[in-house]
């Protein structure tokens, strides 16, 4: 079973990152952090790596609902979306929020995971 939702796109890496951020915003997610893994590995380890960005996405309304039910849910936030260069394609991969939230083993959180997953699916479809 996969723990991600994913799409492959042809295009320029930086353009796809920008388009992904815009699509996330259209679905109510803010990007709380943007980690450039390629740059980090170069600076910290002097290692070359493919273009790879981790976008920490959070929908404040969904996060609030979840935290009202389970304060430890914050350990699973934000939901990550990664954009990386994979030879001829750019891959955009989002965590499957439903699978992620299943870790909490709390049925009250299921609608939040379903909503977030549906939003991520729409983000990927829009790309």
Protein backbone atom coordinates (compact mmCIF):
# COMPACT_ATOMS: atom_id res chain seq x y z
CA UNK A 1 0.00 0.00 0.00
CA UNK A 2 1.27 3.41 -0.92
CA UNK A 3 1.40 6.20 1.61
CA UNK A 4 1.48 8.92 -1.04
CA UNK A 5 -0.63 10.41 -3.79
CA UNK A 6 1.52 11.19 -6.80
CA UNK A 7 1.64 12.65 -10.27
CA UNK A 8 4.36 13.05 -12.89
CA UNK A 9 4.63 16.21 -14.95
CA UNK A 10 6.82 17.47 -17.78
CA UNK A 11 8.08 20.99 -17.22
CA UNK A 12 10.55 23.23 -15.49
CA UNK A 13 11.21 22.33 -11.87
CA UNK A 14 10.84 25.82 -10.39
CA UNK A 15 7.65 26.45 -12.38
CA UNK A 16 6.12 23.24 -11.08
CA UNK A 17 7.06 24.11 -7.49
CA UNK A 18 5.32 27.49 -7.91
CA UNK A 19 2.28 25.92 -9.55
CA UNK A 20 2.08 23.34 -6.75
CA UNK A 21 2.19 26.04 -4.07
CA UNK A 22 -0.58 27.95 -5.89
CA UNK A 23 -2.69 24.79 -6.18
CA UNK A 24 -2.23 24.08 -2.47
CA UNK A 25 -3.35 27.61 -1.65
CA UNK A 26 -6.42 27.14 -3.86
CA UNK A 27 -7.34 24.16 -1.66
CA UNK A 28 -6.87 26.11 1.58
CA UNK A 29 -3.34 24.98 2.43
CA UNK A 30 -0.56 27.31 3.40
CA UNK A 31 3.06 26.29 2.96
CA UNK A 32 4.61 26.66 6.41
CA UNK A 33 8.07 25.57 5.34
CA UNK A 34 9.92 25.02 2.09
CA UNK A 35 13.02 22.86 2.41
CA UNK A 36 15.45 22.74 -0.50
CA UNK A 37 16.95 19.29 0.08
CA UNK A 38 19.45 19.63 -2.77
CA UNK A 39 20.86 22.84 -1.29
CA UNK A 40 20.83 21.49 2.26
CA UNK A 41 22.71 18.32 1.37
CA UNK A 42 25.24 20.35 -0.60
CA UNK A 43 25.83 22.76 2.29
CA UNK A 44 25.80 20.25 5.14
CA UNK A 45 27.38 17.20 3.54
CA UNK A 46 29.01 18.49 0.36
CA UNK A 47 26.88 15.93 -1.51
CA UNK A 48 25.23 16.36 -4.89
CA UNK A 49 21.56 15.46 -5.05
CA UNK A 50 18.71 15.91 -7.48
CA UNK A 51 16.39 18.92 -7.27
CA UNK A 52 14.12 18.06 -4.36
CA UNK A 53 11.85 20.32 -2.32
CA UNK A 54 9.74 19.49 0.70
CA UNK A 55 6.71 21.74 1.15
CA UNK A 56 5.16 21.59 4.61
CA UNK A 57 1.48 22.18 3.84
CA UNK A 58 -1.16 22.95 6.45
CA UNK A 59 -4.86 23.69 6.17
CA UNK A 60 -5.56 25.72 9.34
CA UNK A 61 -9.23 24.72 9.55
CA UNK A 62 -8.53 21.00 9.28
CA UNK A 63 -5.56 21.26 11.65
CA UNK A 64 -7.70 23.06 14.22
CA UNK A 65 -10.43 20.43 14.01
CA UNK A 66 -7.92 17.65 14.48
CA UNK A 67 -6.09 19.33 17.34
CA UNK A 68 -9.40 19.93 19.13
CA UNK A 69 -9.87 16.15 19.19
CA UNK A 70 -6.25 15.06 19.75
CA UNK A 71 -3.52 17.46 20.83
CA UNK A 72 -0.81 14.96 19.87
CA UNK A 73 -2.01 15.14 16.26
CA UNK A 74 0.43 18.03 15.90
CA UNK A 75 3.21 15.46 15.66
CA UNK A 76 1.79 14.54 12.23
CA UNK A 77 1.61 18.12 11.00
CA UNK A 78 2.26 19.69 8.62
CA UNK A 79 1.42 17.34 5.78
CA UNK A 80 4.35 17.14 3.40
CA UNK A 81 4.27 17.54 -0.34
CA UNK A 82 7.49 16.84 -2.21
CA UNK A 83 8.54 17.97 -5.66
CA UNK A 84 11.55 16.28 -7.21
CA UNK A 85 13.37 15.80 -10.46
CA UNK A 86 13.13 12.24 -11.74
CA UNK A 87 15.06 12.24 -15.02
CA UNK A 88 12.54 13.25 -17.71
CA UNK A 89 9.70 14.06 -15.31
CA UNK A 90 9.05 16.15 -12.26
CA UNK A 91 7.25 14.19 -9.57
CA UNK A 92 4.83 15.82 -7.15
CA UNK A 93 4.00 13.54 -4.26
CA UNK A 94 1.72 14.30 -1.31
CA UNK A 95 1.32 12.29 1.83
CA UNK A 96 -1.96 10.35 1.83
CA UNK A 97 -3.50 12.25 4.74
CA UNK A 98 -6.07 9.53 5.36
CA UNK A 99 -3.37 6.91 5.82
CA UNK A 100 -1.36 9.33 7.96
CA UNK A 101 -4.27 10.13 10.24
CA UNK A 102 -5.08 6.42 10.60
CA UNK A 103 -1.95 6.23 12.77
CA UNK A 104 -3.88 8.05 15.48
CA UNK A 105 -6.44 5.19 15.58
CA UNK A 106 -9.28 7.63 16.32
CA UNK A 107 -12.43 7.30 14.20
CA UNK A 108 -13.38 10.90 15.01
CA UNK A 109 -10.41 12.05 12.90
CA UNK A 110 -11.40 10.04 9.81
CA UNK A 111 -13.46 12.84 8.18
CA UNK A 112 -10.50 15.20 8.52
CA UNK A 113 -8.15 12.72 6.85
CA UNK A 114 -10.66 12.09 4.08
CA UNK A 115 -11.14 15.81 3.47
CA UNK A 116 -7.40 16.49 3.39
CA UNK A 117 -6.76 13.54 1.05
CA UNK A 118 -9.49 14.72 -1.33
CA UNK A 119 -7.94 18.20 -1.35
CA UNK A 120 -4.50 16.78 -2.12
CA UNK A 121 -5.98 14.69 -4.92
CA UNK A 122 -7.50 17.85 -6.44
CA UNK A 123 -4.17 19.63 -6.12
CA UNK A 124 -2.41 16.86 -8.03
CA UNK A 125 -5.15 16.67 -10.65
CA UNK A 126 -4.88 20.42 -11.24
CA UNK A 127 -1.18 20.18 -12.06
